[in-house]
């Protein structure tokens, strides 16, 4: 079981905050070519809710660490919380902090923070499953945590989202280096038994940082994106089956 003594919890939370600040700084100022026209950095303009999430939910060692890819336009881009579906962040997790504005805001991807009326489907599915299984969010975060591999959002002029796997390797190299370093620090701090990639992309990032000395096990679940036909056929049921089959959760 995780050792969540008050001292350890404070040290871990402080470490997560420091790691996030370092990641934000490492990614600041990077430039990306066409067709990318806009880049959002929620760790900058949505730092207040992100820090609140790290301190409220990340304090203490965890048994299970879930990893997503990067923010969605109506989730973490608005709330600063991974998969940040607003009702889940506000009502279940209990976070509502002031959110600023990104530089070069896209007129079709306006940041309204917790006043945003759009729903992040992936976040609704992910946090919906967790809140159904753990009605009290404190019970979930006692030994689970959720992070994203990369905190950047890339958009084209049309406002179409571009995921990290669709960007040129040369442009992604410094992003990859900073994000892998951050992931190593998070894993070292939280000392999980299980590292679970939400989708294949995230799972490969855990595999990248795994060494012979790693004492954690790696698992994967289907990504809850509405772009996935499999996820649209009952994502929660499929995810639970995968987690149980791999030994992460009990039935």
C-alpha atoms as a PDB file:
ATOM      1  CA  UNK A   1       0.000   0.000   0.000  1.00  0.00           C
ATOM      2  CA  UNK A   2       1.175   3.571  -0.631  1.00  0.00           C
ATOM      3  CA  UNK A   3       2.872   5.341   2.245  1.00  0.00           C
ATOM      4  CA  UNK A   4       0.861   8.549   2.462  1.00  0.00           C
ATOM      5  CA  UNK A   5       2.289  10.054   5.618  1.00  0.00           C
ATOM      6  CA  UNK A   6       1.843  13.803   5.877  1.00  0.00           C
ATOM      7  CA  UNK A   7       5.541  14.481   5.416  1.00  0.00           C
ATOM      8  CA  UNK A   8       5.905  12.190   2.407  1.00  0.00           C
ATOM      9  CA  UNK A   9       2.728  13.571   0.864  1.00  0.00           C
ATOM     10  CA  UNK A  10       3.972  17.158   1.121  1.00  0.00           C
ATOM     11  CA  UNK A  11       7.348  16.234  -0.355  1.00  0.00           C
ATOM     12  CA  UNK A  12       5.725  14.373  -3.246  1.00  0.00           C
ATOM     13  CA  UNK A  13       3.281  17.188  -3.981  1.00  0.00           C
ATOM     14  CA  UNK A  14       6.092  19.736  -3.930  1.00  0.00           C
ATOM     15  CA  UNK A  15       8.077  17.503  -6.266  1.00  0.00           C
ATOM     16  CA  UNK A  16       5.178  17.213  -8.716  1.00  0.00           C
ATOM     17  CA  UNK A  17       4.750  20.984  -8.742  1.00  0.00           C
ATOM     18  CA  UNK A  18       8.473  21.530  -9.330  1.00  0.00           C
ATOM     19  CA  UNK A  19       8.482  18.952 -12.126  1.00  0.00           C
ATOM     20  CA  UNK A  20       5.492  20.591 -13.823  1.00  0.00           C
ATOM     21  CA  UNK A  21       7.099  24.025 -13.611  1.00  0.00           C
ATOM     22  CA  UNK A  22      10.294  22.644 -15.123  1.00  0.00           C
ATOM     23  CA  UNK A  23       8.329  21.025 -17.952  1.00  0.00           C
ATOM     24  CA  UNK A  24       6.474  24.260 -18.663  1.00  0.00           C
ATOM     25  CA  UNK A  25       9.745  26.166 -18.809  1.00  0.00           C
ATOM     26  CA  UNK A  26      11.401  23.579 -21.048  1.00  0.00           C
ATOM     27  CA  UNK A  27       8.551  23.788 -23.569  1.00  0.00           C
ATOM     28  CA  UNK A  28       8.209  27.562 -23.549  1.00  0.00           C
ATOM     29  CA  UNK A  29       9.362  29.296 -26.691  1.00  0.00           C
ATOM     30  CA  UNK A  30       9.353  26.245 -28.956  1.00  0.00           C
ATOM     31  CA  UNK A  31       8.160  26.949 -32.484  1.00  0.00           C
ATOM     32  CA  UNK A  32       6.244  24.682 -34.841  1.00  0.00           C
ATOM     33  CA  UNK A  33       5.803  24.973 -38.587  1.00  0.00           C
ATOM     34  CA  UNK A  34       2.787  24.732 -40.864  1.00  0.00           C
ATOM     35  CA  UNK A  35       0.138  23.454 -40.748  1.00  0.00           C
ATOM     36  CA  UNK A  36       0.312  24.296 -37.026  1.00  0.00           C
ATOM     37  CA  UNK A  37      -0.722  27.909 -36.434  1.00  0.00           C
ATOM     38  CA  UNK A  38      -1.624  27.960 -32.728  1.00  0.00           C
ATOM     39  CA  UNK A  39      -0.059  26.275 -29.686  1.00  0.00           C
ATOM     40  CA  UNK A  40      -1.633  26.319 -26.223  1.00  0.00           C
ATOM     41  CA  UNK A  41       0.326  25.670 -23.014  1.00  0.00           C
ATOM     42  CA  UNK A  42      -2.190  25.048 -20.157  1.00  0.00           C
ATOM     43  CA  UNK A  43       0.624  24.748 -17.620  1.00  0.00           C
ATOM     44  CA  UNK A  44       1.081  28.463 -18.207  1.00  0.00           C
ATOM     45  CA  UNK A  45      -2.349  30.126 -18.467  1.00  0.00           C
ATOM     46  CA  UNK A  46      -4.173  27.427 -16.429  1.00  0.00           C
ATOM     47  CA  UNK A  47      -1.449  26.974 -13.819  1.00  0.00           C
ATOM     48  CA  UNK A  48      -3.707  27.717 -10.813  1.00  0.00           C
ATOM     49  CA  UNK A  49      -6.048  24.722 -11.296  1.00  0.00           C
ATOM     50  CA  UNK A  50      -3.165  22.515 -12.419  1.00  0.00           C
ATOM     51  CA  UNK A  51      -1.208  23.219  -9.255  1.00  0.00           C
ATOM     52  CA  UNK A  52      -4.355  22.683  -7.179  1.00  0.00           C
ATOM     53  CA  UNK A  53      -4.790  19.298  -8.869  1.00  0.00           C
ATOM     54  CA  UNK A  54      -1.198  18.275  -8.162  1.00  0.00           C
ATOM     55  CA  UNK A  55      -1.400  19.285  -4.516  1.00  0.00           C
ATOM     56  CA  UNK A  56      -4.908  18.000  -3.814  1.00  0.00           C
ATOM     57  CA  UNK A  57      -4.736  14.761  -5.765  1.00  0.00           C
ATOM     58  CA  UNK A  58      -1.048  13.960  -6.267  1.00  0.00           C
ATOM     59  CA  UNK A  59       0.110  14.052  -2.667  1.00  0.00           C
ATOM     60  CA  UNK A  60       1.299  10.634  -1.568  1.00  0.00           C
ATOM     61  CA  UNK A  61       2.581   7.558  -3.340  1.00  0.00           C
ATOM     62  CA  UNK A  62       0.184   5.824  -5.739  1.00  0.00           C
ATOM     63  CA  UNK A  63      -0.498   2.240  -6.673  1.00  0.00           C
ATOM     64  CA  UNK A  64      -1.729   3.080 -10.199  1.00  0.00           C
ATOM     65  CA  UNK A  65      -0.551   5.870 -12.504  1.00  0.00           C
ATOM     66  CA  UNK A  66      -2.619   6.543 -15.629  1.00  0.00           C
ATOM     67  CA  UNK A  67      -1.012   8.402 -18.541  1.00  0.00           C
ATOM     68  CA  UNK A  68      -2.824  10.246 -21.324  1.00  0.00           C
ATOM     69  CA  UNK A  69      -1.416  11.838 -24.470  1.00  0.00           C
ATOM     70  CA  UNK A  70      -2.011  15.612 -24.490  1.00  0.00           C
ATOM     71  CA  UNK A  71      -4.827  18.067 -23.662  1.00  0.00           C
ATOM     72  CA  UNK A  72      -8.125  18.148 -25.477  1.00  0.00           C
ATOM     73  CA  UNK A  73      -9.581  21.550 -26.446  1.00  0.00           C
ATOM     74  CA  UNK A  74     -12.557  21.291 -24.078  1.00  0.00           C
ATOM     75  CA  UNK A  75     -10.778  19.449 -21.268  1.00  0.00           C
ATOM     76  CA  UNK A  76      -7.294  20.177 -19.949  1.00  0.00           C
ATOM     77  CA  UNK A  77      -7.017  23.136 -22.312  1.00  0.00           C
ATOM     78  CA  UNK A  78      -9.862  24.720 -20.316  1.00  0.00           C
ATOM     79  CA  UNK A  79      -9.257  23.411 -16.783  1.00  0.00           C
ATOM     80  CA  UNK A  80      -5.537  22.623 -16.552  1.00  0.00           C
ATOM     81  CA  UNK A  81      -6.419  19.096 -15.349  1.00  0.00           C
ATOM     82  CA  UNK A  82      -5.707  15.992 -17.481  1.00  0.00           C
ATOM     83  CA  UNK A  83      -8.826  14.784 -19.322  1.00  0.00           C
ATOM     84  CA  UNK A  84     -10.363  17.827 -17.615  1.00  0.00           C
ATOM     85  CA  UNK A  85     -14.093  17.458 -18.245  1.00  0.00           C
ATOM     86  CA  UNK A  86     -15.444  20.452 -16.361  1.00  0.00           C
ATOM     87  CA  UNK A  87     -18.211  18.855 -14.229  1.00  0.00           C
ATOM     88  CA  UNK A  88     -15.788  16.125 -13.149  1.00  0.00           C
ATOM     89  CA  UNK A  89     -13.038  18.581 -12.202  1.00  0.00           C
ATOM     90  CA  UNK A  90     -15.392  21.053 -10.543  1.00  0.00           C
ATOM     91  CA  UNK A  91     -17.893  18.771  -8.821  1.00  0.00           C
ATOM     92  CA  UNK A  92     -16.174  15.415  -8.263  1.00  0.00           C
ATOM     93  CA  UNK A  93     -12.555  16.473  -7.769  1.00  0.00           C
ATOM     94  CA  UNK A  94     -13.573  19.803  -6.239  1.00  0.00           C
ATOM     95  CA  UNK A  95     -11.296  22.187  -8.145  1.00  0.00           C
ATOM     96  CA  UNK A  96     -12.329  25.490  -9.659  1.00  0.00           C
ATOM     97  CA  UNK A  97      -9.601  28.065 -10.041  1.00  0.00           C
ATOM     98  CA  UNK A  98      -9.063  31.097 -12.232  1.00  0.00           C
ATOM     99  CA  UNK A  99      -7.886  30.369 -15.771  1.00  0.00           C
ATOM    100  CA  UNK A 100      -6.175  32.958 -17.944  1.00  0.00           C
ATOM    101  CA  UNK A 101      -5.788  33.204 -21.700  1.00  0.00           C
ATOM    102  CA  UNK A 102      -3.181  31.624 -23.991  1.00  0.00           C
ATOM    103  CA  UNK A 103      -1.042  33.699 -26.277  1.00  0.00           C
ATOM    104  CA  UNK A 104      -2.395  33.822 -29.830  1.00  0.00           C
ATOM    105  CA  UNK A 105      -5.820  32.464 -28.920  1.00  0.00           C
ATOM    106  CA  UNK A 106      -7.647  30.754 -31.785  1.00  0.00           C
ATOM    107  CA  UNK A 107     -11.086  32.321 -32.383  1.00  0.00           C
ATOM    108  CA  UNK A 108     -12.625  28.859 -32.766  1.00  0.00           C
ATOM    109  CA  UNK A 109     -10.918  27.480 -29.652  1.00  0.00           C
ATOM    110  CA  UNK A 110     -11.600  30.193 -27.110  1.00  0.00           C
ATOM    111  CA  UNK A 111     -10.497  29.480 -23.547  1.00  0.00           C
ATOM    112  CA  UNK A 112     -13.370  30.149 -21.146  1.00  0.00           C
ATOM    113  CA  UNK A 113     -11.982  28.092 -18.281  1.00  0.00           C
ATOM    114  CA  UNK A 114     -14.623  26.679 -15.993  1.00  0.00           C
ATOM    115  CA  UNK A 115     -17.283  28.711 -17.799  1.00  0.00           C
ATOM    116  CA  UNK A 116     -16.786  26.648 -20.959  1.00  0.00           C
ATOM    117  CA  UNK A 117     -20.035  24.976 -22.025  1.00  0.00           C
ATOM    118  CA  UNK A 118     -18.472  22.303 -24.240  1.00  0.00           C
ATOM    119  CA  UNK A 119     -17.878  18.742 -23.099  1.00  0.00           C
ATOM    120  CA  UNK A 120     -14.636  16.775 -23.420  1.00  0.00           C
ATOM    121  CA  UNK A 121     -15.895  13.327 -24.401  1.00  0.00           C
ATOM    122  CA  UNK A 122     -12.685  11.486 -23.505  1.00  0.00           C
ATOM    123  CA  UNK A 123     -12.662  13.152 -20.091  1.00  0.00           C
ATOM    124  CA  UNK A 124     -16.337  12.497 -19.521  1.00  0.00           C
ATOM    125  CA  UNK A 125     -15.771   8.816 -20.173  1.00  0.00           C
ATOM    126  CA  UNK A 126     -12.550   8.492 -18.157  1.00  0.00           C
ATOM    127  CA  UNK A 127     -13.587  10.453 -15.072  1.00  0.00           C
ATOM    128  CA  UNK A 128     -17.107   9.041 -15.387  1.00  0.00           C
ATOM    129  CA  UNK A 129     -15.746   5.525 -14.940  1.00  0.00           C
ATOM    130  CA  UNK A 130     -13.553   6.538 -12.026  1.00  0.00           C
ATOM    131  CA  UNK A 131     -16.335   8.462 -10.271  1.00  0.00           C
ATOM    132  CA  UNK A 132     -18.759   5.563 -10.732  1.00  0.00           C
ATOM    133  CA  UNK A 133     -16.291   3.150  -9.168  1.00  0.00           C
ATOM    134  CA  UNK A 134     -15.162   5.672  -6.515  1.00  0.00           C
ATOM    135  CA  UNK A 135     -18.070   8.030  -5.639  1.00  0.00           C
ATOM    136  CA  UNK A 136     -15.722   9.921  -3.305  1.00  0.00           C
ATOM    137  CA  UNK A 137     -12.807  11.263  -5.345  1.00  0.00           C
ATOM    138  CA  UNK A 138     -10.516  11.058  -2.302  1.00  0.00           C
ATOM    139  CA  UNK A 139     -10.873   7.266  -2.406  1.00  0.00           C
ATOM    140  CA  UNK A 140      -9.708   7.200  -6.021  1.00  0.00           C
ATOM    141  CA  UNK A 141      -6.779   9.541  -5.506  1.00  0.00           C
ATOM    142  CA  UNK A 142      -5.667   7.692  -2.389  1.00  0.00           C
ATOM    143  CA  UNK A 143      -3.845   5.281  -4.703  1.00  0.00           C
ATOM    144  CA  UNK A 144      -4.493   6.465  -8.283  1.00  0.00           C
ATOM    145  CA  UNK A 145      -3.316   9.465 -10.265  1.00  0.00           C
ATOM    146  CA  UNK A 146      -3.710  10.703 -13.841  1.00  0.00           C
ATOM    147  CA  UNK A 147      -1.177  12.727 -15.849  1.00  0.00           C
ATOM    148  CA  UNK A 148      -0.707  13.625 -19.502  1.00  0.00           C
ATOM    149  CA  UNK A 149       2.528  12.893 -21.318  1.00  0.00           C
ATOM    150  CA  UNK A 150       2.608  16.276 -23.056  1.00  0.00           C
ATOM    151  CA  UNK A 151       0.849  19.483 -21.932  1.00  0.00           C
ATOM    152  CA  UNK A 152       0.810  21.212 -25.327  1.00  0.00           C
ATOM    153  CA  UNK A 153      -2.165  21.640 -27.668  1.00  0.00           C
ATOM    154  CA  UNK A 154      -1.478  22.095 -31.394  1.00  0.00           C
ATOM    155  CA  UNK A 155      -4.052  23.491 -33.832  1.00  0.00           C
ATOM    156  CA  UNK A 156      -4.223  24.275 -37.504  1.00  0.00           C
ATOM    157  CA  UNK A 157      -5.700  27.452 -38.978  1.00  0.00           C
ATOM    158  CA  UNK A 158      -9.043  25.654 -39.316  1.00  0.00           C
ATOM    159  CA  UNK A 159      -8.860  24.843 -35.564  1.00  0.00           C
ATOM    160  CA  UNK A 160      -8.329  21.188 -36.355  1.00  0.00           C
ATOM    161  CA  UNK A 161      -6.413  19.502 -33.570  1.00  0.00           C
ATOM    162  CA  UNK A 162      -3.039  17.915 -34.324  1.00  0.00           C
ATOM    163  CA  UNK A 163      -1.866  15.217 -31.953  1.00  0.00           C
ATOM    164  CA  UNK A 164       1.831  14.787 -31.061  1.00  0.00           C
ATOM    165  CA  UNK A 165       2.198  11.684 -33.228  1.00  0.00           C
ATOM    166  CA  UNK A 166       1.275  13.756 -36.308  1.00  0.00           C
ATOM    167  CA  UNK A 167       4.051  16.359 -35.877  1.00  0.00           C
ATOM    168  CA  UNK A 168       7.453  16.165 -37.598  1.00  0.00           C
ATOM    169  CA  UNK A 169      10.072  14.232 -35.649  1.00  0.00           C
ATOM    170  CA  UNK A 170      12.518  17.138 -35.698  1.00  0.00           C
ATOM    171  CA  UNK A 171       9.963  19.480 -34.122  1.00  0.00           C
ATOM    172  CA  UNK A 172       8.932  16.884 -31.576  1.00  0.00           C
ATOM    173  CA  UNK A 173      12.473  15.973 -30.472  1.00  0.00           C
ATOM    174  CA  UNK A 174      12.828  18.692 -27.786  1.00  0.00           C
ATOM    175  CA  UNK A 175       9.206  18.124 -26.721  1.00  0.00           C
ATOM    176  CA  UNK A 176       9.795  14.392 -26.396  1.00  0.00           C
ATOM    177  CA  UNK A 177      12.973  14.901 -24.376  1.00  0.00           C
ATOM    178  CA  UNK A 178      11.314  17.287 -21.913  1.00  0.00           C
ATOM    179  CA  UNK A 179       8.189  15.161 -21.552  1.00  0.00           C
ATOM    180  CA  UNK A 180      10.115  11.922 -21.015  1.00  0.00           C
ATOM    181  CA  UNK A 181      12.206  13.626 -18.347  1.00  0.00           C
ATOM    182  CA  UNK A 182       9.039  14.869 -16.654  1.00  0.00           C
ATOM    183  CA  UNK A 183       7.466  11.395 -16.809  1.00  0.00           C
ATOM    184  CA  UNK A 184      10.537   9.850 -15.188  1.00  0.00           C
ATOM    185  CA  UNK A 185      10.317  12.370 -12.357  1.00  0.00           C
ATOM    186  CA  UNK A 186       6.602  11.701 -11.845  1.00  0.00           C
ATOM    187  CA  UNK A 187       7.123   7.934 -11.746  1.00  0.00           C
ATOM    188  CA  UNK A 188      10.040   8.296  -9.324  1.00  0.00           C
ATOM    189  CA  UNK A 189       7.966  10.511  -7.040  1.00  0.00           C
ATOM    190  CA  UNK A 190       4.757   8.460  -7.045  1.00  0.00           C
ATOM    191  CA  UNK A 191       6.514   5.057  -7.000  1.00  0.00           C
ATOM    192  CA  UNK A 192       3.547   3.223  -8.585  1.00  0.00           C
ATOM    193  CA  UNK A 193       3.011  -0.496  -8.795  1.00  0.00           C
ATOM    194  CA  UNK A 194       1.223  -0.091 -12.137  1.00  0.00           C
ATOM    195  CA  UNK A 195       1.823   2.387 -14.964  1.00  0.00           C
ATOM    196  CA  UNK A 196      -1.184   2.328 -17.261  1.00  0.00           C
ATOM    197  CA  UNK A 197      -1.118   3.937 -20.689  1.00  0.00           C
ATOM    198  CA  UNK A 198      -4.463   5.318 -21.809  1.00  0.00           C
ATOM    199  CA  UNK A 199      -4.035   4.292 -25.430  1.00  0.00           C
ATOM    200  CA  UNK A 200      -1.026   2.853 -27.250  1.00  0.00           C
ATOM    201  CA  UNK A 201       0.769   6.190 -27.594  1.00  0.00           C
ATOM    202  CA  UNK A 202       0.927   6.655 -23.827  1.00  0.00           C
ATOM    203  CA  UNK A 203       1.910   3.033 -23.239  1.00  0.00           C
ATOM    204  CA  UNK A 204       4.926   3.433 -25.534  1.00  0.00           C
ATOM    205  CA  UNK A 205       6.100   6.376 -23.393  1.00  0.00           C
ATOM    206  CA  UNK A 206       6.144   4.211 -20.283  1.00  0.00           C
ATOM    207  CA  UNK A 207       8.104   1.634 -22.260  1.00  0.00           C
ATOM    208  CA  UNK A 208      10.607   4.340 -23.263  1.00  0.00           C
ATOM    209  CA  UNK A 209      11.473   5.143 -19.643  1.00  0.00           C
ATOM    210  CA  UNK A 210      11.421   1.567 -18.372  1.00  0.00           C
ATOM    211  CA  UNK A 211      14.791   0.153 -17.318  1.00  0.00           C
ATOM    212  CA  UNK A 212      16.018  -3.109 -15.825  1.00  0.00           C
ATOM    213  CA  UNK A 213      15.809  -1.419 -12.427  1.00  0.00           C
ATOM    214  CA  UNK A 214      12.156  -0.383 -12.815  1.00  0.00           C
ATOM    215  CA  UNK A 215       9.990  -2.070 -10.175  1.00  0.00           C
ATOM    216  CA  UNK A 216       6.639  -1.185 -11.751  1.00  0.00           C
ATOM    217  CA  UNK A 217       4.452  -3.114 -14.172  1.00  0.00           C
ATOM    218  CA  UNK A 218       3.089  -1.681 -17.400  1.00  0.00           C
ATOM    219  CA  UNK A 219      -0.488  -2.039 -18.643  1.00  0.00           C
ATOM    220  CA  UNK A 220      -2.719  -0.365 -21.216  1.00  0.00           C
ATOM    221  CA  UNK A 221      -6.373   0.514 -21.715  1.00  0.00           C
ATOM    222  CA  UNK A 222      -8.311   1.570 -24.755  1.00  0.00           C
ATOM    223  CA  UNK A 223      -8.291   5.340 -25.274  1.00  0.00           C
ATOM    224  CA  UNK A 224     -11.768   6.831 -24.619  1.00  0.00           C
ATOM    225  CA  UNK A 225     -11.625   9.157 -27.642  1.00  0.00           C
ATOM    226  CA  UNK A 226     -14.831   9.392 -29.707  1.00  0.00           C
ATOM    227  CA  UNK A 227     -12.551   9.011 -32.755  1.00  0.00           C
ATOM    228  CA  UNK A 228     -12.148   5.345 -31.739  1.00  0.00           C
ATOM    229  CA  UNK A 229     -14.986   3.087 -32.963  1.00  0.00           C
ATOM    230  CA  UNK A 230     -14.115   0.579 -30.255  1.00  0.00           C
ATOM    231  CA  UNK A 231     -14.404   3.244 -27.543  1.00  0.00           C
ATOM    232  CA  UNK A 232     -17.821   4.214 -28.866  1.00  0.00           C
ATOM    233  CA  UNK A 233     -19.091   0.684 -28.346  1.00  0.00           C
ATOM    234  CA  UNK A 234     -18.906   0.857 -24.547  1.00  0.00           C
ATOM    235  CA  UNK A 235     -15.572   2.261 -23.422  1.00  0.00           C
ATOM    236  CA  UNK A 236     -16.094   1.908 -19.663  1.00  0.00           C
ATOM    237  CA  UNK A 237     -16.952  -1.776 -19.862  1.00  0.00           C
ATOM    238  CA  UNK A 238     -13.994  -2.462 -22.154  1.00  0.00           C
ATOM    239  CA  UNK A 239     -11.609  -0.507 -19.912  1.00  0.00           C
ATOM    240  CA  UNK A 240     -12.707  -2.340 -16.765  1.00  0.00           C
ATOM    241  CA  UNK A 241     -12.267  -5.703 -18.496  1.00  0.00           C
ATOM    242  CA  UNK A 242      -8.760  -4.730 -19.588  1.00  0.00           C
ATOM    243  CA  UNK A 243      -7.756  -3.466 -16.157  1.00  0.00           C
ATOM    244  CA  UNK A 244      -9.091  -6.580 -14.442  1.00  0.00           C
ATOM    245  CA  UNK A 245      -7.526  -8.939 -16.991  1.00  0.00           C
ATOM    246  CA  UNK A 246      -4.107  -7.331 -16.556  1.00  0.00           C
ATOM    247  CA  UNK A 247      -4.347  -7.399 -12.750  1.00  0.00           C
ATOM    248  CA  UNK A 248      -4.540  -3.658 -12.180  1.00  0.00           C
ATOM    249  CA  UNK A 249      -8.046  -3.770 -10.661  1.00  0.00           C
ATOM    250  CA  UNK A 250     -10.066  -6.463  -8.997  1.00  0.00           C
ATOM    251  CA  UNK A 251     -13.550  -7.192 -10.291  1.00  0.00           C
END
